């Protein structure tokens, strides 16, 4: 079965971010999501301004539509971040092509949030043209878990902003979630990661190295560690995915979709999951991860 998630919204609220919601009633209190495919677009009419749109999908008991300040999410199981600036491009259209390695169970309507805005003014417009595919079969006897613990944002060479920041060069942050499920297997890493310069005055090239790891015996508290002037990945950590984003001098941004099939058991009694982000260069840089892990149990049969 399939359903459409489509709509367009504009705002001229300078420096503010707006949540625009579009819901699809799947005709059942329980459903299993197979894919999200289509595109999301964003544009801004101001010169030399930073803009972004965060696409989030989840189960929503109230089937919310329109501009909302709060939503009764049952769960959020997919996010995708896209950032850019009008100096490089006044508009962007980003393809969305997520196919779940295993059906993701949700409750309530399938609801998309387009959370978007800018820093300098102008009119920002977002639109979505998405199709979700799903089934309404009984839920899995062993739950499927989507771990969103590596969704966060770091600012480098800056004195404020983001979930954590540092005014120093060549630093590393680590974001840790301890909600990884012992005895489950990671079957997919998905979402997106972005990095780039958020002020038009920067004239420095930059490099952002990002790694995602499973740590069998977590020695870090849940949350953010850093900034660290040096860091070596312990040999016991299992690398799930690594990517390097780079930009030249100027107002540059890079966005990378992530969809990696895995087969990594969560060994250990108290495993955790890390996102490690390290930056080189003097540019004022924003790095954001919206990367999730899909985990399943060892028994993969449906209730009858």
Protein backbone atom coordinates (compact mmCIF):
# COMPACT_ATOMS: atom_id res chain seq x y z
CA UNK A 1 0.00 0.00 0.00
CA UNK A 2 1.09 3.59 -0.50
CA UNK A 3 0.12 7.11 0.57
CA UNK A 4 1.13 10.63 -0.48
CA UNK A 5 2.79 13.24 1.76
CA UNK A 6 2.73 16.48 -0.24
CA UNK A 7 2.42 20.17 0.57
CA UNK A 8 3.96 23.66 0.34
CA UNK A 9 4.41 26.38 2.96
CA UNK A 10 6.15 29.79 3.10
CA UNK A 11 7.15 32.13 5.92
CA UNK A 12 9.06 35.40 6.27
CA UNK A 13 9.83 35.04 9.99
CA UNK A 14 13.46 36.13 10.14
CA UNK A 15 15.72 34.04 12.33
CA UNK A 16 12.90 31.74 13.41
CA UNK A 17 12.19 28.14 12.54
CA UNK A 18 8.73 26.86 11.65
CA UNK A 19 7.29 23.35 11.93
CA UNK A 20 4.92 22.51 9.07
CA UNK A 21 3.18 19.12 9.39
CA UNK A 22 1.53 16.85 6.83
CA UNK A 23 -0.19 13.63 7.93
CA UNK A 24 -1.34 10.50 6.12
CA UNK A 25 -3.99 8.35 7.76
CA UNK A 26 -2.95 4.78 6.99
CA UNK A 27 -6.33 3.34 7.98
CA UNK A 28 -4.96 1.34 10.90
CA UNK A 29 -3.71 2.09 14.41
CA UNK A 30 -0.62 0.01 13.59
CA UNK A 31 1.37 -0.04 10.37
CA UNK A 32 4.81 -1.08 9.13
CA UNK A 33 6.72 1.40 6.98
CA UNK A 34 8.70 0.05 4.00
CA UNK A 35 9.94 3.17 2.20
CA UNK A 36 9.86 6.95 1.75
CA UNK A 37 10.62 8.20 -1.75
CA UNK A 38 10.29 11.52 -3.55
CA UNK A 39 11.81 14.93 -2.88
CA UNK A 40 11.92 17.94 -0.56
CA UNK A 41 12.58 21.49 -1.81
CA UNK A 42 13.59 24.71 -0.05
CA UNK A 43 14.19 28.26 -1.31
CA UNK A 44 14.87 31.72 0.15
CA UNK A 45 14.59 35.18 -1.39
CA UNK A 46 17.28 36.97 0.67
CA UNK A 47 20.89 37.47 -0.41
CA UNK A 48 23.77 35.71 1.38
CA UNK A 49 21.68 33.92 3.97
CA UNK A 50 21.95 30.47 5.52
CA UNK A 51 18.85 28.24 5.36
CA UNK A 52 17.91 24.70 6.31
CA UNK A 53 15.09 22.18 6.36
CA UNK A 54 14.82 19.15 8.65
CA UNK A 55 12.49 16.43 7.38
CA UNK A 56 11.20 14.24 10.21
CA UNK A 57 8.80 11.27 9.94
CA UNK A 58 7.01 9.64 12.84
CA UNK A 59 3.82 8.15 14.20
CA UNK A 60 1.37 10.83 15.34
CA UNK A 61 -1.74 10.05 17.41
CA UNK A 62 -3.47 13.32 16.44
CA UNK A 63 -2.76 13.21 12.69
CA UNK A 64 -1.57 16.84 12.81
CA UNK A 65 -1.56 19.10 9.76
CA UNK A 66 -0.39 22.67 9.18
CA UNK A 67 1.82 24.82 11.40
CA UNK A 68 2.10 23.35 14.91
CA UNK A 69 4.10 24.30 17.98
CA UNK A 70 3.95 20.79 19.47
CA UNK A 71 2.93 17.35 18.25
CA UNK A 72 2.07 14.17 20.15
CA UNK A 73 4.72 12.01 18.47
CA UNK A 74 4.49 8.31 19.33
CA UNK A 75 7.95 7.90 17.84
CA UNK A 76 10.22 9.60 15.31
CA UNK A 77 11.83 7.00 13.05
CA UNK A 78 13.36 8.96 10.17
CA UNK A 79 15.07 12.35 9.83
CA UNK A 80 17.00 14.05 7.04
CA UNK A 81 18.80 17.40 7.33
CA UNK A 82 19.55 19.69 4.38
CA UNK A 83 21.41 23.01 4.70
CA UNK A 84 22.58 25.59 2.21
CA UNK A 85 22.86 29.28 1.45
CA UNK A 86 21.48 31.67 -1.12
CA UNK A 87 24.95 32.81 -2.21
CA UNK A 88 25.61 29.36 -3.65
CA UNK A 89 22.01 28.53 -4.56
CA UNK A 90 18.73 30.33 -3.74
CA UNK A 91 16.88 27.00 -3.94
CA UNK A 92 17.54 23.29 -3.59
CA UNK A 93 15.58 20.13 -4.37
CA UNK A 94 16.79 17.06 -2.51
CA UNK A 95 15.84 13.51 -3.50
CA UNK A 96 14.59 11.23 -0.71
CA UNK A 97 15.06 7.52 -1.31
CA UNK A 98 14.80 5.58 1.94
CA UNK A 99 14.04 1.86 1.79
CA UNK A 100 13.94 0.19 5.20
CA UNK A 101 16.04 -2.96 5.52
CA UNK A 102 13.21 -4.33 7.68
CA UNK A 103 9.67 -2.91 8.06
CA UNK A 104 9.48 -0.23 10.77
CA UNK A 105 6.38 -0.43 13.01
CA UNK A 106 4.56 2.82 13.84
CA UNK A 107 1.39 3.82 15.71
CA UNK A 108 -1.05 6.48 14.53
CA UNK A 109 -0.82 8.48 11.34
CA UNK A 110 2.41 8.69 9.38
CA UNK A 111 3.29 12.35 9.83
CA UNK A 112 6.01 14.39 8.16
CA UNK A 113 7.39 17.56 9.70
CA UNK A 114 9.22 20.12 7.58
CA UNK A 115 11.08 22.19 10.17
CA UNK A 116 12.73 25.08 8.34
CA UNK A 117 13.98 28.64 8.52
CA UNK A 118 16.82 31.08 7.86
CA UNK A 119 19.10 33.52 9.67
CA UNK A 120 18.91 36.73 7.65
CA UNK A 121 15.30 37.17 6.53
CA UNK A 122 13.62 36.90 3.16
CA UNK A 123 10.78 34.51 2.37
CA UNK A 124 11.58 30.84 2.91
CA UNK A 125 9.43 28.26 1.11
CA UNK A 126 9.47 24.49 1.58
CA UNK A 127 7.58 21.78 -0.24
CA UNK A 128 7.45 18.01 -0.20
CA UNK A 129 6.41 15.45 -2.78
CA UNK A 130 6.79 12.11 -1.04
CA UNK A 131 5.29 8.64 -1.24
CA UNK A 132 5.39 6.21 1.66
CA UNK A 133 4.80 2.49 1.24
CA UNK A 134 3.57 0.34 4.11
CA UNK A 135 1.57 -2.68 5.23
CA UNK A 136 -0.93 -3.15 8.07
CA UNK A 137 0.05 -6.69 9.03
CA UNK A 138 0.21 -7.58 12.74
CA UNK A 139 3.22 -6.25 14.59
CA UNK A 140 6.42 -8.23 14.84
CA UNK A 141 6.71 -10.50 17.87
CA UNK A 142 10.23 -9.16 18.44
CA UNK A 143 10.21 -5.36 18.34
CA UNK A 144 12.13 -3.40 15.75
CA UNK A 145 13.97 -0.48 17.33
CA UNK A 146 15.09 2.71 15.62
CA UNK A 147 17.90 4.32 17.59
CA UNK A 148 18.07 8.09 17.03
CA UNK A 149 20.86 8.75 19.49
CA UNK A 150 23.28 10.22 16.97
CA UNK A 151 21.07 13.13 16.01
CA UNK A 152 22.83 16.29 17.09
CA UNK A 153 24.73 19.40 15.99
CA UNK A 154 28.23 20.71 16.75
CA UNK A 155 29.70 24.16 16.04
CA UNK A 156 33.46 24.50 15.47
CA UNK A 157 35.56 27.69 15.66
CA UNK A 158 32.56 29.40 17.25
CA UNK A 159 31.80 30.81 20.71
CA UNK A 160 28.12 29.85 20.79
CA UNK A 161 25.45 27.79 19.07
CA UNK A 162 24.52 24.16 18.39
CA UNK A 163 24.23 21.38 20.99
CA UNK A 164 27.93 21.99 21.76
CA UNK A 165 30.53 24.40 20.44
CA UNK A 166 34.21 25.30 20.65
CA UNK A 167 36.15 28.43 19.57
CA UNK A 168 39.28 26.29 19.09
CA UNK A 169 40.70 24.73 15.92
CA UNK A 170 41.24 21.03 15.24
CA UNK A 171 38.82 19.73 17.86
CA UNK A 172 36.69 16.59 18.26
CA UNK A 173 33.25 16.02 19.77
CA UNK A 174 31.70 12.65 20.65
CA UNK A 175 27.95 12.09 20.96
CA UNK A 176 27.02 8.90 22.82
CA UNK A 177 23.72 7.10 23.26
CA UNK A 178 23.44 4.28 25.80
CA UNK A 179 20.05 3.10 24.52
CA UNK A 180 21.53 0.57 22.12
CA UNK A 181 19.81 -2.78 22.74
CA UNK A 182 21.99 -5.66 23.89
CA UNK A 183 21.30 -8.85 21.97
CA UNK A 184 19.91 -7.05 18.91
CA UNK A 185 21.55 -6.74 15.49
CA UNK A 186 22.13 -3.47 13.64
CA UNK A 187 20.81 -3.99 10.10
CA UNK A 188 20.85 -0.46 8.69
CA UNK A 189 22.33 2.99 9.19
CA UNK A 190 20.22 5.70 7.54
CA UNK A 191 19.43 9.42 7.44
CA UNK A 192 21.84 12.20 6.48
CA UNK A 193 24.75 14.32 7.65
CA UNK A 194 25.62 17.91 6.75
CA UNK A 195 28.57 20.23 7.30
CA UNK A 196 29.37 23.73 6.18
CA UNK A 197 30.05 27.38 6.81
CA UNK A 198 27.19 29.36 8.33
CA UNK A 199 28.57 32.89 7.84
CA UNK A 200 29.26 34.41 4.39
CA UNK A 201 32.45 36.14 5.58
CA UNK A 202 34.46 32.91 5.92
CA UNK A 203 37.23 32.43 3.35
CA UNK A 204 38.80 29.26 4.68
CA UNK A 205 38.70 25.69 3.42
CA UNK A 206 37.55 23.00 5.85
CA UNK A 207 37.34 19.22 6.39
CA UNK A 208 34.90 17.37 8.66
CA UNK A 209 35.58 13.69 9.42
CA UNK A 210 32.61 11.80 10.88
CA UNK A 211 32.51 8.23 12.15
CA UNK A 212 29.71 6.11 13.63
CA UNK A 213 30.67 3.29 15.98
CA UNK A 214 29.28 0.49 18.12
CA UNK A 215 31.05 0.26 21.48
CA UNK A 216 30.49 -3.19 23.12
CA UNK A 217 31.35 -2.00 26.65
CA UNK A 218 30.55 1.66 26.79
CA UNK A 219 32.94 3.76 28.82
CA UNK A 220 31.23 7.06 28.03
CA UNK A 221 28.20 8.64 29.65
CA UNK A 222 25.20 9.30 27.45
CA UNK A 223 25.44 12.75 25.88
CA UNK A 224 28.30 14.89 24.58
CA UNK A 225 32.02 14.53 25.34
CA UNK A 226 34.42 17.28 24.27
CA UNK A 227 35.81 19.29 22.80
CA UNK A 228 38.92 17.12 22.69
CA UNK A 229 42.22 18.37 21.23
CA UNK A 230 43.18 14.78 20.34
CA UNK A 231 41.30 11.50 20.16
CA UNK A 232 42.13 7.95 19.06
CA UNK A 233 39.32 5.49 18.40
CA UNK A 234 39.70 2.50 20.76
CA UNK A 235 40.40 -0.83 19.05
CA UNK A 236 37.29 -2.39 20.62
CA UNK A 237 34.93 -0.01 18.79
CA UNK A 238 33.24 -1.39 15.66
CA UNK A 239 33.14 1.06 12.75
CA UNK A 240 29.68 1.19 11.17
CA UNK A 241 30.23 4.08 8.76
CA UNK A 242 32.73 6.84 8.10
CA UNK A 243 32.56 9.84 5.78
CA UNK A 244 34.60 12.97 5.11
CA UNK A 245 32.86 16.18 4.04
CA UNK A 246 34.99 18.98 2.59
CA UNK A 247 34.53 22.55 1.40
CA UNK A 248 36.68 25.15 -0.27
CA UNK A 249 37.06 28.78 0.69
CA UNK A 250 33.80 30.71 0.85
CA UNK A 251 30.22 30.11 1.92
CA UNK A 252 30.21 26.33 1.30
CA UNK A 253 27.95 23.52 2.52
CA UNK A 254 27.87 19.77 1.88
CA UNK A 255 24.92 17.41 2.49
CA UNK A 256 25.29 13.63 2.32
CA UNK A 257 22.47 11.05 2.47
CA UNK A 258 23.28 7.91 4.44
CA UNK A 259 21.85 4.44 3.75
CA UNK A 260 24.12 1.55 4.70
CA UNK A 261 23.08 -2.09 5.10
CA UNK A 262 24.65 -3.73 8.16
CA UNK A 263 24.78 -7.04 9.97
CA UNK A 264 26.44 -6.10 13.27
CA UNK A 265 25.36 -7.88 16.49
CA UNK A 266 25.43 -5.75 19.63
CA UNK A 267 27.86 -7.79 21.67
CA UNK A 268 28.53 -6.98 25.31
CA UNK A 269 26.13 -6.41 28.19
CA UNK A 270 26.00 -2.61 28.03
CA UNK A 271 26.72 -1.53 24.45
CA UNK A 272 26.45 2.06 23.23
CA UNK A 273 26.66 3.97 20.02
CA UNK A 274 28.96 6.91 19.17
CA UNK A 275 29.09 9.65 16.58
CA UNK A 276 32.62 11.11 16.44
CA UNK A 277 33.08 14.40 14.56
CA UNK A 278 36.49 16.02 13.99
CA UNK A 279 37.14 19.21 12.05
CA UNK A 280 40.24 20.72 10.45
CA UNK A 281 40.44 24.33 9.28
CA UNK A 282 39.60 27.76 10.68
CA UNK A 283 36.18 28.21 9.06
CA UNK A 284 33.18 28.74 11.36
CA UNK A 285 31.62 25.36 10.81
CA UNK A 286 28.29 23.71 11.60
CA UNK A 287 28.20 19.89 11.52
CA UNK A 288 24.91 18.03 12.05
CA UNK A 289 24.07 14.33 12.14
CA UNK A 290 20.59 12.98 11.54
CA UNK A 291 21.70 9.35 11.34
CA UNK A 292 19.73 6.48 12.85
CA UNK A 293 20.35 2.78 13.45
CA UNK A 294 17.69 0.18 12.66
CA UNK A 295 17.97 -2.82 14.99
CA UNK A 296 16.08 -6.11 15.07
CA UNK A 297 15.92 -9.04 17.46
CA UNK A 298 17.01 -12.57 16.69
CA UNK A 299 13.41 -13.81 16.18
CA UNK A 300 11.84 -12.28 13.09
CA UNK A 301 8.31 -13.73 12.88
CA UNK A 302 4.95 -12.01 13.01
CA UNK A 303 2.25 -12.51 15.61
CA UNK A 304 -0.74 -14.44 14.28
